[in-house]
Amino acid sequence: MSLKDEARRERIARSLRGKRAEAQLTQEQVGAACGMDKTSIGKYENGLSCMDYETAWDLADLYGVSLDELGGRKLEGAVQ
């Protein structure tokens, strides 16, 4: 895995942990809401596993954010 990929995975993991904390939910509650176990949520939040698009959409919907925000991506200065 490249340094860029590692940095991206850590940024996503940090964002996932933060969004769950803001929502005041446990990993078990998030997993139940998305149809998976807390172990999977923990792996995503620690950068040990990558989620598929459906899971990302489910988490974004649960937290009420866009996929970009869920992944900790900022689009400042992007072409509109």
PDB file of N, CA and C in Angstrom:
ATOM      1  N   MET A   1       0.858  -1.173   0.000  1.00  0.00           N
ATOM      2  CA  MET A   1       0.000   0.000   0.000  1.00  0.00           C
ATOM      3  C   MET A   1       0.906   1.238   0.000  1.00  0.00           C
ATOM      4  N   SER A   2       0.553   2.194  -0.841  1.00  0.00           N
ATOM      5  CA  SER A   2       1.359   3.411  -0.933  1.00  0.00           C
ATOM      6  C   SER A   2       1.094   4.332   0.264  1.00  0.00           C
ATOM      7  N   LEU A   3       2.001   5.286   0.457  1.00  0.00           N
ATOM      8  CA  LEU A   3       1.811   6.262   1.535  1.00  0.00           C
ATOM      9  C   LEU A   3       0.530   7.052   1.337  1.00  0.00           C
ATOM     10  N   LYS A   4       0.212   7.374   0.089  1.00  0.00           N
ATOM     11  CA  LYS A   4      -1.022   8.107  -0.206  1.00  0.00           C
ATOM     12  C   LYS A   4      -2.238   7.284   0.206  1.00  0.00           C
ATOM     13  N   ASP A   5      -2.224   5.985  -0.115  1.00  0.00           N
ATOM     14  CA  ASP A   5      -3.332   5.111   0.265  1.00  0.00           C
ATOM     15  C   ASP A   5      -3.447   4.988   1.785  1.00  0.00           C
ATOM     16  N   GLU A   6      -2.310   4.869   2.454  1.00  0.00           N
ATOM     17  CA  GLU A   6      -2.326   4.782   3.910  1.00  0.00           C
ATOM     18  C   GLU A   6      -2.884   6.053   4.532  1.00  0.00           C
ATOM     19  N   ALA A   7      -2.490   7.198   4.005  1.00  0.00           N
ATOM     20  CA  ALA A   7      -2.987   8.474   4.528  1.00  0.00           C
ATOM     21  C   ALA A   7      -4.485   8.607   4.299  1.00  0.00           C
ATOM     22  N   ARG A   8      -4.930   8.183   3.142  1.00  0.00           N
ATOM     23  CA  ARG A   8      -6.368   8.236   2.836  1.00  0.00           C
ATOM     24  C   ARG A   8      -7.146   7.322   3.771  1.00  0.00           C
ATOM     25  N   ARG A   9      -6.649   6.110   3.978  1.00  0.00           N
ATOM     26  CA  ARG A   9      -7.337   5.159   4.851  1.00  0.00           C
ATOM     27  C   ARG A   9      -7.412   5.690   6.281  1.00  0.00           C
ATOM     28  N   GLU A  10      -6.327   6.322   6.758  1.00  0.00           N
ATOM     29  CA  GLU A  10      -6.338   6.892   8.112  1.00  0.00           C
ATOM     30  C   GLU A  10      -7.295   8.070   8.209  1.00  0.00           C
ATOM     31  N   ARG A  11      -7.357   8.901   7.164  1.00  0.00           N
ATOM     32  CA  ARG A  11      -8.283  10.035   7.163  1.00  0.00           C
ATOM     33  C   ARG A  11      -9.725   9.539   7.247  1.00  0.00           C
ATOM     34  N   ILE A  12     -10.045   8.507   6.489  1.00  0.00           N
ATOM     35  CA  ILE A  12     -11.394   7.947   6.503  1.00  0.00           C
ATOM     36  C   ILE A  12     -11.691   7.346   7.877  1.00  0.00           C
ATOM     37  N   ALA A  13     -10.740   6.592   8.424  1.00  0.00           N
ATOM     38  CA  ALA A  13     -10.931   5.968   9.736  1.00  0.00           C
ATOM     39  C   ALA A  13     -11.181   7.025  10.814  1.00  0.00           C
ATOM     40  N   ARG A  14     -10.386   8.084  10.796  1.00  0.00           N
ATOM     41  CA  ARG A  14     -10.540   9.177  11.774  1.00  0.00           C
ATOM     42  C   ARG A  14     -11.916   9.820  11.649  1.00  0.00           C
ATOM     43  N   SER A  15     -12.351  10.024  10.415  1.00  0.00           N
ATOM     44  CA  SER A  15     -13.662  10.627  10.183  1.00  0.00           C
ATOM     45  C   SER A  15     -14.779   9.717  10.693  1.00  0.00           C
ATOM     46  N   LEU A  16     -14.665   8.423  10.414  1.00  0.00           N
ATOM     47  CA  LEU A  16     -15.685   7.477  10.876  1.00  0.00           C
ATOM     48  C   LEU A  16     -15.788   7.472  12.401  1.00  0.00           C
ATOM     49  N   ARG A  17     -14.641   7.468  13.065  1.00  0.00           N
ATOM     50  CA  ARG A  17     -14.663   7.513  14.534  1.00  0.00           C
ATOM     51  C   ARG A  17     -15.314   8.803  15.032  1.00  0.00           C
ATOM     52  N   GLY A  18     -14.986   9.896  14.384  1.00  0.00           N
ATOM     53  CA  GLY A  18     -15.539  11.189  14.790  1.00  0.00           C
ATOM     54  C   GLY A  18     -17.037  11.282  14.564  1.00  0.00           C
ATOM     55  N   LYS A  19     -17.488  10.812  13.409  1.00  0.00           N
ATOM     56  CA  LYS A  19     -18.932  10.861  13.123  1.00  0.00           C
ATOM     57  C   LYS A  19     -19.716  10.013  14.101  1.00  0.00           C
ATOM     58  N   ARG A  20     -19.175   8.841  14.447  1.00  0.00           N
ATOM     59  CA  ARG A  20     -19.877   7.983  15.405  1.00  0.00           C
ATOM     60  C   ARG A  20     -19.904   8.635  16.782  1.00  0.00           C
ATOM     61  N   ALA A  21     -18.803   9.252  17.178  1.00  0.00           N
ATOM     62  CA  ALA A  21     -18.762   9.937  18.469  1.00  0.00           C
ATOM     63  C   ALA A  21     -19.758  11.097  18.505  1.00  0.00           C
ATOM     64  N   GLU A  22     -19.810  11.869  17.423  1.00  0.00           N
ATOM     65  CA  GLU A  22     -20.771  12.984  17.349  1.00  0.00           C
ATOM     66  C   GLU A  22     -22.206  12.486  17.467  1.00  0.00           C
ATOM     67  N   ALA A  23     -22.477  11.318  16.881  1.00  0.00           N
ATOM     68  CA  ALA A  23     -23.827  10.746  16.926  1.00  0.00           C
ATOM     69  C   ALA A  23     -24.104  10.042  18.252  1.00  0.00           C
ATOM     70  N   GLN A  24     -23.079   9.930  19.093  1.00  0.00           N
ATOM     71  CA  GLN A  24     -23.189   9.271  20.400  1.00  0.00           C
ATOM     72  C   GLN A  24     -23.738   7.845  20.272  1.00  0.00           C
ATOM     73  N   LEU A  25     -23.145   7.102  19.337  1.00  0.00           N
ATOM     74  CA  LEU A  25     -23.535   5.714  19.095  1.00  0.00           C
ATOM     75  C   LEU A  25     -22.356   4.796  19.382  1.00  0.00           C
ATOM     76  N   THR A  26     -22.661   3.567  19.769  1.00  0.00           N
ATOM     77  CA  THR A  26     -21.629   2.556  19.936  1.00  0.00           C
ATOM     78  C   THR A  26     -21.378   1.876  18.590  1.00  0.00           C
ATOM     79  N   GLN A  27     -20.268   1.173  18.489  1.00  0.00           N
ATOM     80  CA  GLN A  27     -20.001   0.405  17.271  1.00  0.00           C
ATOM     81  C   GLN A  27     -21.099  -0.632  17.055  1.00  0.00           C
ATOM     82  N   GLU A  28     -21.592  -1.211  18.122  1.00  0.00           N
ATOM     83  CA  GLU A  28     -22.662  -2.196  18.023  1.00  0.00           C
ATOM     84  C   GLU A  28     -23.935  -1.562  17.458  1.00  0.00           C
ATOM     85  N   GLN A  29     -24.292  -0.369  17.905  1.00  0.00           N
ATOM     86  CA  GLN A  29     -25.486   0.311  17.402  1.00  0.00           C
ATOM     87  C   GLN A  29     -25.337   0.660  15.922  1.00  0.00           C
ATOM     88  N   VAL A  30     -24.163   1.134  15.543  1.00  0.00           N
ATOM     89  CA  VAL A  30     -23.923   1.473  14.140  1.00  0.00           C
ATOM     90  C   VAL A  30     -24.002   0.214  13.279  1.00  0.00           C
ATOM     91  N   GLY A  31     -23.377  -0.856  13.747  1.00  0.00           N
ATOM     92  CA  GLY A  31     -23.426  -2.111  13.010  1.00  0.00           C
ATOM     93  C   GLY A  31     -24.843  -2.613  12.831  1.00  0.00           C
ATOM     94  N   ALA A  32     -25.635  -2.562  13.889  1.00  0.00           N
ATOM     95  CA  ALA A  32     -27.022  -3.015  13.817  1.00  0.00           C
ATOM     96  C   ALA A  32     -27.822  -2.173  12.817  1.00  0.00           C
ATOM     97  N   ALA A  33     -27.591  -0.878  12.818  1.00  0.00           N
ATOM     98  CA  ALA A  33     -28.316   0.014  11.908  1.00  0.00           C
ATOM     99  C   ALA A  33     -27.946  -0.250  10.446  1.00  0.00           C
ATOM    100  N   CYS A  34     -26.738  -0.761  10.225  1.00  0.00           N
ATOM    101  CA  CYS A  34     -26.250  -0.984   8.858  1.00  0.00           C
ATOM    102  C   CYS A  34     -26.225  -2.464   8.476  1.00  0.00           C
ATOM    103  N   GLY A  35     -26.728  -3.317   9.346  1.00  0.00           N
ATOM    104  CA  GLY A  35     -26.808  -4.739   9.030  1.00  0.00           C
ATOM    105  C   GLY A  35     -25.477  -5.474   9.061  1.00  0.00           C
ATOM    106  N   MET A  36     -24.608  -5.090   9.996  1.00  0.00           N
ATOM    107  CA  MET A  36     -23.321  -5.783  10.139  1.00  0.00           C
ATOM    108  C   MET A  36     -22.947  -5.840  11.608  1.00  0.00           C
ATOM    109  N   ASP A  37     -21.858  -6.519  11.918  1.00  0.00           N
ATOM    110  CA  ASP A  37     -21.463  -6.616  13.320  1.00  0.00           C
ATOM    111  C   ASP A  37     -20.488  -5.504  13.702  1.00  0.00           C
ATOM    112  N   LYS A  38     -20.315  -5.332  15.005  1.00  0.00           N
ATOM    113  CA  LYS A  38     -19.458  -4.251  15.493  1.00  0.00           C
ATOM    114  C   LYS A  38     -18.000  -4.456  15.113  1.00  0.00           C
ATOM    115  N   THR A  39     -17.593  -5.700  14.880  1.00  0.00           N
ATOM    116  CA  THR A  39     -16.217  -5.980  14.474  1.00  0.00           C
ATOM    117  C   THR A  39     -15.901  -5.313  13.145  1.00  0.00           C
ATOM    118  N   SER A  40     -16.838  -5.361  12.211  1.00  0.00           N
ATOM    119  CA  SER A  40     -16.636  -4.708  10.913  1.00  0.00           C
ATOM    120  C   SER A  40     -16.512  -3.205  11.077  1.00  0.00           C
ATOM    121  N   ILE A  41     -17.368  -2.624  11.904  1.00  0.00           N
ATOM    122  CA  ILE A  41     -17.304  -1.184  12.147  1.00  0.00           C
ATOM    123  C   ILE A  41     -15.949  -0.831  12.748  1.00  0.00           C
ATOM    124  N   GLY A  42     -15.494  -1.626  13.699  1.00  0.00           N
ATOM    125  CA  GLY A  42     -14.191  -1.390  14.316  1.00  0.00           C
ATOM    126  C   GLY A  42     -13.056  -1.451  13.305  1.00  0.00           C
ATOM    127  N   LYS A  43     -13.127  -2.388  12.379  1.00  0.00           N
ATOM    128  CA  LYS A  43     -12.088  -2.494  11.347  1.00  0.00           C
ATOM    129  C   LYS A  43     -12.084  -1.263  10.449  1.00  0.00           C
ATOM    130  N   TYR A  44     -13.252  -0.765  10.089  1.00  0.00           N
ATOM    131  CA  TYR A  44     -13.320   0.453   9.268  1.00  0.00           C
ATOM    132  C   TYR A  44     -12.761   1.642  10.032  1.00  0.00           C
ATOM    133  N   GLU A  45     -13.129   1.745  11.305  1.00  0.00           N
ATOM    134  CA  GLU A  45     -12.703   2.886  12.130  1.00  0.00           C
ATOM    135  C   GLU A  45     -11.219   2.858  12.479  1.00  0.00           C
ATOM    136  N   ASN A  46     -10.595   1.710  12.325  1.00  0.00           N
ATOM    137  CA  ASN A  46      -9.161   1.590  12.616  1.00  0.00           C
ATOM    138  C   ASN A  46      -8.327   1.443  11.351  1.00  0.00           C
ATOM    139  N   GLY A  47      -8.958   1.595  10.199  1.00  0.00           N
ATOM    140  CA  GLY A  47      -8.243   1.535   8.935  1.00  0.00           C
ATOM    141  C   GLY A  47      -7.739   0.153   8.568  1.00  0.00           C
ATOM    142  N   LEU A  48      -8.330  -0.869   9.145  1.00  0.00           N
ATOM    143  CA  LEU A  48      -7.895  -2.238   8.891  1.00  0.00           C
ATOM    144  C   LEU A  48      -8.631  -2.889   7.739  1.00  0.00           C
ATOM    145  N   SER A  49      -9.718  -2.279   7.310  1.00  0.00           N
ATOM    146  CA  SER A  49     -10.526  -2.832   6.233  1.00  0.00           C
ATOM    147  C   SER A  49     -11.171  -1.688   5.461  1.00  0.00           C
ATOM    148  N   CYS A  50     -11.405  -1.928   4.189  1.00  0.00           N
ATOM    149  CA  CYS A  50     -12.086  -0.937   3.346  1.00  0.00           C
ATOM    150  C   CYS A  50     -13.532  -1.370   3.144  1.00  0.00           C
ATOM    151  N   MET A  51     -14.432  -0.416   3.205  1.00  0.00           N
ATOM    152  CA  MET A  51     -15.846  -0.731   3.029  1.00  0.00           C
ATOM    153  C   MET A  51     -16.242  -0.619   1.562  1.00  0.00           C
ATOM    154  N   ASP A  52     -17.342  -1.283   1.212  1.00  0.00           N
ATOM    155  CA  ASP A  52     -17.879  -1.154  -0.137  1.00  0.00           C
ATOM    156  C   ASP A  52     -18.779   0.081  -0.210  1.00  0.00           C
ATOM    157  N   TYR A  53     -19.201   0.420  -1.406  1.00  0.00           N
ATOM    158  CA  TYR A  53     -20.017   1.625  -1.592  1.00  0.00           C
ATOM    159  C   TYR A  53     -21.326   1.567  -0.829  1.00  0.00           C
ATOM    160  N   GLU A  54     -21.974   0.405  -0.823  1.00  0.00           N
ATOM    161  CA  GLU A  54     -23.255   0.311  -0.130  1.00  0.00           C
ATOM    162  C   GLU A  54     -23.098   0.604   1.361  1.00  0.00           C
ATOM    163  N   THR A  55     -22.036   0.094   1.948  1.00  0.00           N
ATOM    164  CA  THR A  55     -21.783   0.358   3.363  1.00  0.00           C
ATOM    165  C   THR A  55     -21.491   1.837   3.600  1.00  0.00           C
ATOM    166  N   ALA A  56     -20.700   2.423   2.723  1.00  0.00           N
ATOM    167  CA  ALA A  56     -20.390   3.850   2.847  1.00  0.00           C
ATOM    168  C   ALA A  56     -21.668   4.679   2.758  1.00  0.00           C
ATOM    169  N   TRP A  57     -22.532   4.351   1.817  1.00  0.00           N
ATOM    170  CA  TRP A  57     -23.799   5.092   1.690  1.00  0.00           C
ATOM    171  C   TRP A  57     -24.656   4.921   2.939  1.00  0.00           C
ATOM    172  N   ASP A  58     -24.715   3.675   3.461  1.00  0.00           N
ATOM    173  CA  ASP A  58     -25.493   3.435   4.684  1.00  0.00           C
ATOM    174  C   ASP A  58     -24.962   4.274   5.848  1.00  0.00           C
ATOM    175  N   LEU A  59     -23.644   4.322   6.001  1.00  0.00           N
ATOM    176  CA  LEU A  59     -23.056   5.097   7.091  1.00  0.00           C
ATOM    177  C   LEU A  59     -23.275   6.595   6.887  1.00  0.00           C
ATOM    178  N   ALA A  60     -23.121   7.066   5.655  1.00  0.00           N
ATOM    179  CA  ALA A  60     -23.352   8.486   5.378  1.00  0.00           C
ATOM    180  C   ALA A  60     -24.802   8.859   5.699  1.00  0.00           C
ATOM    181  N   ASP A  61     -25.736   8.003   5.304  1.00  0.00           N
ATOM    182  CA  ASP A  61     -27.148   8.260   5.608  1.00  0.00           C
ATOM    183  C   ASP A  61     -27.389   8.253   7.114  1.00  0.00           C
ATOM    184  N   LEU A  62     -26.799   7.291   7.811  1.00  0.00           N
ATOM    185  CA  LEU A  62     -26.977   7.191   9.258  1.00  0.00           C
ATOM    186  C   LEU A  62     -26.492   8.458   9.952  1.00  0.00           C
ATOM    187  N   TYR A  63     -25.346   8.986   9.521  1.00  0.00           N
ATOM    188  CA  TYR A  63     -24.766  10.168  10.147  1.00  0.00           C
ATOM    189  C   TYR A  63     -25.266  11.477   9.532  1.00  0.00           C
ATOM    190  N   GLY A  64     -26.050  11.396   8.456  1.00  0.00           N
ATOM    191  CA  GLY A  64     -26.601  12.594   7.837  1.00  0.00           C
ATOM    192  C   GLY A  64     -25.559  13.459   7.151  1.00  0.00           C
ATOM    193  N   VAL A  65     -24.591  12.814   6.497  1.00  0.00           N
ATOM    194  CA  VAL A  65     -23.518  13.531   5.819  1.00  0.00           C
ATOM    195  C   VAL A  65     -23.351  13.002   4.392  1.00  0.00           C
ATOM    196  N   SER A  66     -22.590  13.735   3.588  1.00  0.00           N
ATOM    197  CA  SER A  66     -22.266  13.272   2.237  1.00  0.00           C
ATOM    198  C   SER A  66     -21.152  12.230   2.313  1.00  0.00           C
ATOM    199  N   LEU A  67     -20.949  11.512   1.224  1.00  0.00           N
ATOM    200  CA  LEU A  67     -19.841  10.558   1.177  1.00  0.00           C
ATOM    201  C   LEU A  67     -18.498  11.265   1.329  1.00  0.00           C
ATOM    202  N   ASP A  68     -18.374  12.450   0.736  1.00  0.00           N
ATOM    203  CA  ASP A  68     -17.131  13.210   0.882  1.00  0.00           C
ATOM    204  C   ASP A  68     -16.878  13.555   2.345  1.00  0.00           C
ATOM    205  N   GLU A  69     -17.907  14.028   3.032  1.00  0.00           N
ATOM    206  CA  GLU A  69     -17.745  14.380   4.436  1.00  0.00           C
ATOM    207  C   GLU A  69     -17.473  13.140   5.281  1.00  0.00           C
ATOM    208  N   LEU A  70     -18.145  12.045   4.976  1.00  0.00           N
ATOM    209  CA  LEU A  70     -17.925  10.799   5.710  1.00  0.00           C
ATOM    210  C   LEU A  70     -16.462  10.383   5.616  1.00  0.00           C
ATOM    211  N   GLY A  71     -15.876  10.570   4.432  1.00  0.00           N
ATOM    212  CA  GLY A  71     -14.488  10.189   4.220  1.00  0.00           C
ATOM    213  C   GLY A  71     -13.484  11.242   4.656  1.00  0.00           C
ATOM    214  N   GLY A  72     -13.960  12.340   5.230  1.00  0.00           N
ATOM    215  CA  GLY A  72     -13.063  13.380   5.695  1.00  0.00           C
ATOM    216  C   GLY A  72     -12.465  14.191   4.557  1.00  0.00           C
ATOM    217  N   ARG A  73     -13.114  14.155   3.420  1.00  0.00           N
ATOM    218  CA  ARG A  73     -12.597  14.861   2.240  1.00  0.00           C
ATOM    219  C   ARG A  73     -13.150  16.269   2.194  1.00  0.00           C
ATOM    220  N   LYS A  74     -12.268  17.223   1.952  1.00  0.00           N
ATOM    221  CA  LYS A  74     -12.671  18.625   1.808  1.00  0.00           C
ATOM    222  C   LYS A  74     -12.490  19.018   0.361  1.00  0.00           C
ATOM    223  N   LEU A  75     -13.477  19.677  -0.185  1.00  0.00           N
ATOM    224  CA  LEU A  75     -13.453  20.044  -1.587  1.00  0.00           C
ATOM    225  C   LEU A  75     -13.237  21.536  -1.781  1.00  0.00           C
ATOM    226  N   GLU A  76     -12.563  22.162  -0.841  1.00  0.00           N
ATOM    227  CA  GLU A  76     -12.313  23.587  -0.942  1.00  0.00           C
ATOM    228  C   GLU A  76     -11.516  23.882  -2.201  1.00  0.00           C
ATOM    229  N   GLY A  77     -11.956  24.873  -2.952  1.00  0.00           N
ATOM    230  CA  GLY A  77     -11.251  25.257  -4.160  1.00  0.00           C
ATOM    231  C   GLY A  77     -11.524  24.354  -5.342  1.00  0.00           C
ATOM    232  N   ALA A  78     -12.429  23.399  -5.192  1.00  0.00           N
ATOM    233  CA  ALA A  78     -12.750  22.508  -6.305  1.00  0.00           C
ATOM    234  C   ALA A  78     -13.538  23.257  -7.359  1.00  0.00           C
ATOM    235  N   VAL A  79     -13.382  22.848  -8.600  1.00  0.00           N
ATOM    236  CA  VAL A  79     -14.131  23.436  -9.693  1.00  0.00           C
ATOM    237  C   VAL A  79     -15.591  23.009  -9.554  1.00  0.00           C
ATOM    238  N   GLN A  80     -16.472  23.975  -9.607  1.00  0.00           N
ATOM    239  CA  GLN A  80     -17.904  23.682  -9.459  1.00  0.00           C
ATOM    240  C   GLN A  80     -18.567  23.428 -10.780  1.00  0.00           C
TER     241      GLN A  80
END
